Amino acid sequence: MPQLDTSTWLTMILSMFLALFIIFQLKISKHNFYHNPELMMTKAPKQNTPWETKWTKIYLPLSLPL
């Protein structure tokens, strides 16, 4: 039975990692990233509801005096 020649494995593994690194770098470099993102201050418009201007009290049946 012949012996398995493992002398080229290190070069194959290193070249594979190098090729994968180059491929990922090329893929990442194609993306456009914002250089200076600015915060936008957004305010929700205040909606006036009829029950905000009135004083109301809710009486629960269990809280009524006997």
PDB file of N, CA and C in Angstrom:
ATOM      1  N   MET A   1       0.834  -1.169   0.000  1.00  0.00           N
ATOM      2  CA  MET A   1       0.000   0.000   0.000  1.00  0.00           C
ATOM      3  C   MET A   1       0.894   1.254   0.000  1.00  0.00           C
ATOM      4  N   PRO A   2       0.658   2.181  -0.907  1.00  0.00           N
ATOM      5  CA  PRO A   2       1.548   3.345  -0.977  1.00  0.00           C
ATOM      6  C   PRO A   2       1.302   4.323   0.172  1.00  0.00           C
ATOM      7  N   GLN A   3       2.322   5.044   0.522  1.00  0.00           N
ATOM      8  CA  GLN A   3       2.233   6.046   1.582  1.00  0.00           C
ATOM      9  C   GLN A   3       1.550   7.298   1.035  1.00  0.00           C
ATOM     10  N   LEU A   4       0.795   7.967   1.902  1.00  0.00           N
ATOM     11  CA  LEU A   4       0.114   9.196   1.515  1.00  0.00           C
ATOM     12  C   LEU A   4       1.109  10.350   1.607  1.00  0.00           C
ATOM     13  N   ASP A   5       1.266  11.061   0.515  1.00  0.00           N
ATOM     14  CA  ASP A   5       2.216  12.171   0.465  1.00  0.00           C
ATOM     15  C   ASP A   5       1.543  13.424   1.010  1.00  0.00           C
ATOM     16  N   THR A   6       1.958  13.876   2.177  1.00  0.00           N
ATOM     17  CA  THR A   6       1.357  15.047   2.814  1.00  0.00           C
ATOM     18  C   THR A   6       2.264  16.266   2.735  1.00  0.00           C
ATOM     19  N   SER A   7       3.289  16.220   1.913  1.00  0.00           N
ATOM     20  CA  SER A   7       4.238  17.329   1.877  1.00  0.00           C
ATOM     21  C   SER A   7       3.634  18.586   1.244  1.00  0.00           C
ATOM     22  N   THR A   8       2.617  18.446   0.415  1.00  0.00           N
ATOM     23  CA  THR A   8       2.041  19.619  -0.257  1.00  0.00           C
ATOM     24  C   THR A   8       0.793  20.149   0.459  1.00  0.00           C
ATOM     25  N   TRP A   9       0.389  19.499   1.533  1.00  0.00           N
ATOM     26  CA  TRP A   9      -0.831  19.927   2.207  1.00  0.00           C
ATOM     27  C   TRP A   9      -0.716  21.340   2.781  1.00  0.00           C
ATOM     28  N   LEU A  10       0.417  21.661   3.362  1.00  0.00           N
ATOM     29  CA  LEU A  10       0.580  22.979   3.964  1.00  0.00           C
ATOM     30  C   LEU A  10       0.459  24.072   2.909  1.00  0.00           C
ATOM     31  N   THR A  11       1.064  23.876   1.761  1.00  0.00           N
ATOM     32  CA  THR A  11       0.959  24.891   0.704  1.00  0.00           C
ATOM     33  C   THR A  11      -0.455  24.983   0.174  1.00  0.00           C
ATOM     34  N   MET A  12      -1.140  23.879   0.073  1.00  0.00           N
ATOM     35  CA  MET A  12      -2.523  23.908  -0.415  1.00  0.00           C
ATOM     36  C   MET A  12      -3.435  24.635   0.579  1.00  0.00           C
ATOM     37  N   ILE A  13      -3.266  24.359   1.859  1.00  0.00           N
ATOM     38  CA  ILE A  13      -4.109  24.992   2.870  1.00  0.00           C
ATOM     39  C   ILE A  13      -3.822  26.489   2.936  1.00  0.00           C
ATOM     40  N   LEU A  14      -2.554  26.868   2.912  1.00  0.00           N
ATOM     41  CA  LEU A  14      -2.211  28.281   2.965  1.00  0.00           C
ATOM     42  C   LEU A  14      -2.688  29.019   1.727  1.00  0.00           C
ATOM     43  N   SER A  15      -2.575  28.406   0.568  1.00  0.00           N
ATOM     44  CA  SER A  15      -3.046  29.079  -0.648  1.00  0.00           C
ATOM     45  C   SER A  15      -4.571  29.180  -0.664  1.00  0.00           C
ATOM     46  N   MET A  16      -5.257  28.198  -0.078  1.00  0.00           N
ATOM     47  CA  MET A  16      -6.705  28.262   0.012  1.00  0.00           C
ATOM     48  C   MET A  16      -7.132  29.424   0.913  1.00  0.00           C
ATOM     49  N   PHE A  17      -6.471  29.561   2.079  1.00  0.00           N
ATOM     50  CA  PHE A  17      -6.785  30.678   2.969  1.00  0.00           C
ATOM     51  C   PHE A  17      -6.492  32.019   2.315  1.00  0.00           C
ATOM     52  N   LEU A  18      -5.412  32.103   1.598  1.00  0.00           N
ATOM     53  CA  LEU A  18      -5.077  33.345   0.908  1.00  0.00           C
ATOM     54  C   LEU A  18      -6.120  33.671  -0.163  1.00  0.00           C
ATOM     55  N   ALA A  19      -6.546  32.676  -0.926  1.00  0.00           N
ATOM     56  CA  ALA A  19      -7.549  32.903  -1.964  1.00  0.00           C
ATOM     57  C   ALA A  19      -8.891  33.310  -1.344  1.00  0.00           C
ATOM     58  N   LEU A  20      -9.286  32.652  -0.252  1.00  0.00           N
ATOM     59  CA  LEU A  20     -10.534  33.030   0.412  1.00  0.00           C
ATOM     60  C   LEU A  20     -10.467  34.435   0.983  1.00  0.00           C
ATOM     61  N   PHE A  21      -9.326  34.810   1.541  1.00  0.00           N
ATOM     62  CA  PHE A  21      -9.166  36.154   2.071  1.00  0.00           C
ATOM     63  C   PHE A  21      -9.287  37.188   0.963  1.00  0.00           C
ATOM     64  N   ILE A  22      -8.669  36.939  -0.165  1.00  0.00           N
ATOM     65  CA  ILE A  22      -8.738  37.877  -1.295  1.00  0.00           C
ATOM     66  C   ILE A  22     -10.165  37.976  -1.820  1.00  0.00           C
ATOM     67  N   ILE A  23     -10.852  36.844  -1.928  1.00  0.00           N
ATOM     68  CA  ILE A  23     -12.231  36.852  -2.435  1.00  0.00           C
ATOM     69  C   ILE A  23     -13.140  37.656  -1.507  1.00  0.00           C
ATOM     70  N   PHE A  24     -13.011  37.432  -0.186  1.00  0.00           N
ATOM     71  CA  PHE A  24     -13.855  38.173   0.755  1.00  0.00           C
ATOM     72  C   PHE A  24     -13.524  39.662   0.756  1.00  0.00           C
ATOM     73  N   GLN A  25     -12.255  39.999   0.610  1.00  0.00           N
ATOM     74  CA  GLN A  25     -11.882  41.410   0.552  1.00  0.00           C
ATOM     75  C   GLN A  25     -12.488  42.075  -0.683  1.00  0.00           C
ATOM     76  N   LEU A  26     -12.493  41.374  -1.799  1.00  0.00           N
ATOM     77  CA  LEU A  26     -13.082  41.930  -3.010  1.00  0.00           C
ATOM     78  C   LEU A  26     -14.589  42.084  -2.869  1.00  0.00           C
ATOM     79  N   LYS A  27     -15.233  41.113  -2.210  1.00  0.00           N
ATOM     80  CA  LYS A  27     -16.680  41.216  -2.013  1.00  0.00           C
ATOM     81  C   LYS A  27     -17.031  42.383  -1.090  1.00  0.00           C
ATOM     82  N   ILE A  28     -16.271  42.547  -0.015  1.00  0.00           N
ATOM     83  CA  ILE A  28     -16.555  43.613   0.940  1.00  0.00           C
ATOM     84  C   ILE A  28     -16.275  44.977   0.325  1.00  0.00           C
ATOM     85  N   SER A  29     -15.269  45.069  -0.522  1.00  0.00           N
ATOM     86  CA  SER A  29     -14.909  46.374  -1.086  1.00  0.00           C
ATOM     87  C   SER A  29     -15.949  46.888  -2.085  1.00  0.00           C
ATOM     88  N   LYS A  30     -16.845  46.025  -2.545  1.00  0.00           N
ATOM     89  CA  LYS A  30     -17.875  46.462  -3.485  1.00  0.00           C
ATOM     90  C   LYS A  30     -19.050  47.149  -2.798  1.00  0.00           C
ATOM     91  N   HIS A  31     -19.162  47.013  -1.467  1.00  0.00           N
ATOM     92  CA  HIS A  31     -20.268  47.614  -0.734  1.00  0.00           C
ATOM     93  C   HIS A  31     -20.007  49.097  -0.514  1.00  0.00           C
ATOM     94  N   ASN A  32     -21.072  49.887  -0.553  1.00  0.00           N
ATOM     95  CA  ASN A  32     -20.976  51.312  -0.266  1.00  0.00           C
ATOM     96  C   ASN A  32     -21.412  51.547   1.174  1.00  0.00           C
ATOM     97  N   PHE A  33     -20.522  52.108   1.957  1.00  0.00           N
ATOM     98  CA  PHE A  33     -20.823  52.429   3.337  1.00  0.00           C
ATOM     99  C   PHE A  33     -20.895  53.940   3.472  1.00  0.00           C
ATOM    100  N   TYR A  34     -21.764  54.408   4.361  1.00  0.00           N
ATOM    101  CA  TYR A  34     -21.871  55.831   4.620  1.00  0.00           C
ATOM    102  C   TYR A  34     -20.662  56.266   5.446  1.00  0.00           C
ATOM    103  N   HIS A  35     -20.031  57.357   5.043  1.00  0.00           N
ATOM    104  CA  HIS A  35     -18.843  57.811   5.756  1.00  0.00           C
ATOM    105  C   HIS A  35     -19.207  58.561   7.031  1.00  0.00           C
ATOM    106  N   ASN A  36     -20.180  59.459   6.953  1.00  0.00           N
ATOM    107  CA  ASN A  36     -20.559  60.264   8.100  1.00  0.00           C
ATOM    108  C   ASN A  36     -22.066  60.219   8.297  1.00  0.00           C
ATOM    109  N   PRO A  37     -22.578  59.247   9.000  1.00  0.00           N
ATOM    110  CA  PRO A  37     -24.027  59.233   9.200  1.00  0.00           C
ATOM    111  C   PRO A  37     -24.441  60.355  10.139  1.00  0.00           C
ATOM    112  N   GLU A  38     -25.505  61.057   9.783  1.00  0.00           N
ATOM    113  CA  GLU A  38     -26.009  62.152  10.603  1.00  0.00           C
ATOM    114  C   GLU A  38     -27.348  61.751  11.215  1.00  0.00           C
ATOM    115  N   LEU A  39     -27.521  62.151  12.466  1.00  0.00           N
ATOM    116  CA  LEU A  39     -28.770  61.839  13.146  1.00  0.00           C
ATOM    117  C   LEU A  39     -29.855  62.796  12.688  1.00  0.00           C
ATOM    118  N   MET A  40     -31.014  62.253  12.436  1.00  0.00           N
ATOM    119  CA  MET A  40     -32.150  63.081  12.069  1.00  0.00           C
ATOM    120  C   MET A  40     -33.087  63.142  13.270  1.00  0.00           C
ATOM    121  N   MET A  41     -33.362  64.352  13.699  1.00  0.00           N
ATOM    122  CA  MET A  41     -34.270  64.528  14.826  1.00  0.00           C
ATOM    123  C   MET A  41     -35.711  64.493  14.304  1.00  0.00           C
ATOM    124  N   THR A  42     -36.421  63.467  14.676  1.00  0.00           N
ATOM    125  CA  THR A  42     -37.804  63.352  14.226  1.00  0.00           C
ATOM    126  C   THR A  42     -38.716  63.531  15.432  1.00  0.00           C
ATOM    127  N   LYS A  43     -39.718  64.359  15.270  1.00  0.00           N
ATOM    128  CA  LYS A  43     -40.707  64.577  16.322  1.00  0.00           C
ATOM    129  C   LYS A  43     -42.073  64.160  15.799  1.00  0.00           C
ATOM    130  N   ALA A  44     -42.741  63.379  16.587  1.00  0.00           N
ATOM    131  CA  ALA A  44     -44.093  62.983  16.214  1.00  0.00           C
ATOM    132  C   ALA A  44     -45.022  64.148  16.483  1.00  0.00           C
ATOM    133  N   PRO A  45     -45.918  64.443  15.571  1.00  0.00           N
ATOM    134  CA  PRO A  45     -46.841  65.560  15.816  1.00  0.00           C
ATOM    135  C   PRO A  45     -47.782  65.240  16.972  1.00  0.00           C
ATOM    136  N   LYS A  46     -48.005  66.232  17.795  1.00  0.00           N
ATOM    137  CA  LYS A  46     -48.887  66.046  18.955  1.00  0.00           C
ATOM    138  C   LYS A  46     -50.334  66.021  18.499  1.00  0.00           C
ATOM    139  N   GLN A  47     -51.036  64.966  18.855  1.00  0.00           N
ATOM    140  CA  GLN A  47     -52.438  64.848  18.486  1.00  0.00           C
ATOM    141  C   GLN A  47     -53.289  65.171  19.707  1.00  0.00           C
ATOM    142  N   ASN A  48     -54.132  66.165  19.553  1.00  0.00           N
ATOM    143  CA  ASN A  48     -55.015  66.541  20.658  1.00  0.00           C
ATOM    144  C   ASN A  48     -56.253  65.654  20.639  1.00  0.00           C
ATOM    145  N   THR A  49     -56.439  64.968  21.743  1.00  0.00           N
ATOM    146  CA  THR A  49     -57.614  64.110  21.882  1.00  0.00           C
ATOM    147  C   THR A  49     -58.570  64.755  22.872  1.00  0.00           C
ATOM    148  N   PRO A  50     -59.856  64.519  22.730  1.00  0.00           N
ATOM    149  CA  PRO A  50     -60.826  65.196  23.598  1.00  0.00           C
ATOM    150  C   PRO A  50     -60.665  64.849  25.073  1.00  0.00           C
ATOM    151  N   TRP A  51     -60.189  63.652  25.404  1.00  0.00           N
ATOM    152  CA  TRP A  51     -60.115  63.283  26.806  1.00  0.00           C
ATOM    153  C   TRP A  51     -58.865  63.837  27.487  1.00  0.00           C
ATOM    154  N   GLU A  52     -57.951  64.426  26.755  1.00  0.00           N
ATOM    155  CA  GLU A  52     -56.776  65.007  27.400  1.00  0.00           C
ATOM    156  C   GLU A  52     -57.103  66.349  28.048  1.00  0.00           C
ATOM    157  N   THR A  53     -58.091  67.055  27.542  1.00  0.00           N
ATOM    158  CA  THR A  53     -58.411  68.376  28.080  1.00  0.00           C
ATOM    159  C   THR A  53     -59.391  68.301  29.239  1.00  0.00           C
ATOM    160  N   LYS A  54     -60.007  67.167  29.478  1.00  0.00           N
ATOM    161  CA  LYS A  54     -61.001  67.033  30.542  1.00  0.00           C
ATOM    162  C   LYS A  54     -60.408  66.257  31.711  1.00  0.00           C
ATOM    163  N   TRP A  55     -60.930  66.565  32.905  1.00  0.00           N
ATOM    164  CA  TRP A  55     -60.554  65.789  34.070  1.00  0.00           C
ATOM    165  C   TRP A  55     -61.565  64.660  34.206  1.00  0.00           C
ATOM    166  N   THR A  56     -61.081  63.441  34.200  1.00  0.00           N
ATOM    167  CA  THR A  56     -62.002  62.305  34.332  1.00  0.00           C
ATOM    168  C   THR A  56     -61.499  61.402  35.437  1.00  0.00           C
ATOM    169  N   LYS A  57     -62.400  60.757  36.086  1.00  0.00           N
ATOM    170  CA  LYS A  57     -62.052  59.783  37.097  1.00  0.00           C
ATOM    171  C   LYS A  57     -62.894  58.545  36.848  1.00  0.00           C
ATOM    172  N   ILE A  58     -62.239  57.417  36.857  1.00  0.00           N
ATOM    173  CA  ILE A  58     -62.942  56.161  36.618  1.00  0.00           C
ATOM    174  C   ILE A  58     -63.193  55.494  37.956  1.00  0.00           C
ATOM    175  N   TYR A  59     -64.441  55.170  38.230  1.00  0.00           N
ATOM    176  CA  TYR A  59     -64.793  54.498  39.461  1.00  0.00           C
ATOM    177  C   TYR A  59     -64.944  53.010  39.165  1.00  0.00           C
ATOM    178  N   LEU A  60     -64.168  52.233  39.882  1.00  0.00           N
ATOM    179  CA  LEU A  60     -64.284  50.784  39.750  1.00  0.00           C
ATOM    180  C   LEU A  60     -65.365  50.292  40.712  1.00  0.00           C
ATOM    181  N   PRO A  61     -66.100  49.272  40.358  1.00  0.00           N
ATOM    182  CA  PRO A  61     -67.155  48.781  41.253  1.00  0.00           C
ATOM    183  C   PRO A  61     -66.626  48.323  42.600  1.00  0.00           C
ATOM    184  N   LEU A  62     -65.422  47.770  42.651  1.00  0.00           N
ATOM    185  CA  LEU A  62     -64.900  47.287  43.915  1.00  0.00           C
ATOM    186  C   LEU A  62     -64.397  48.406  44.811  1.00  0.00           C
ATOM    187  N   SER A  63     -64.133  49.591  44.246  1.00  0.00           N
ATOM    188  CA  SER A  63     -63.587  50.673  45.064  1.00  0.00           C
ATOM    189  C   SER A  63     -64.673  51.586  45.616  1.00  0.00           C
ATOM    190  N   LEU A  64     -65.932  51.312  45.330  1.00  0.00           N
ATOM    191  CA  LEU A  64     -67.019  52.137  45.850  1.00  0.00           C
ATOM    192  C   LEU A  64     -67.252  51.815  47.326  1.00  0.00           C
ATOM    193  N   PRO A  65     -67.601  52.850  48.126  1.00  0.00           N
ATOM    194  CA  PRO A  65     -67.870  52.567  49.550  1.00  0.00           C
ATOM    195  C   PRO A  65     -69.191  51.829  49.714  1.00  0.00           C
ATOM    196  N   LEU A  66     -69.303  51.040  50.763  1.00  0.00           N
ATOM    197  CA  LEU A  66     -70.521  50.262  51.020  1.00  0.00           C
ATOM    198  C   LEU A  66     -71.563  51.054  51.736  1.00  0.00           C
TER     199      LEU A  66
END
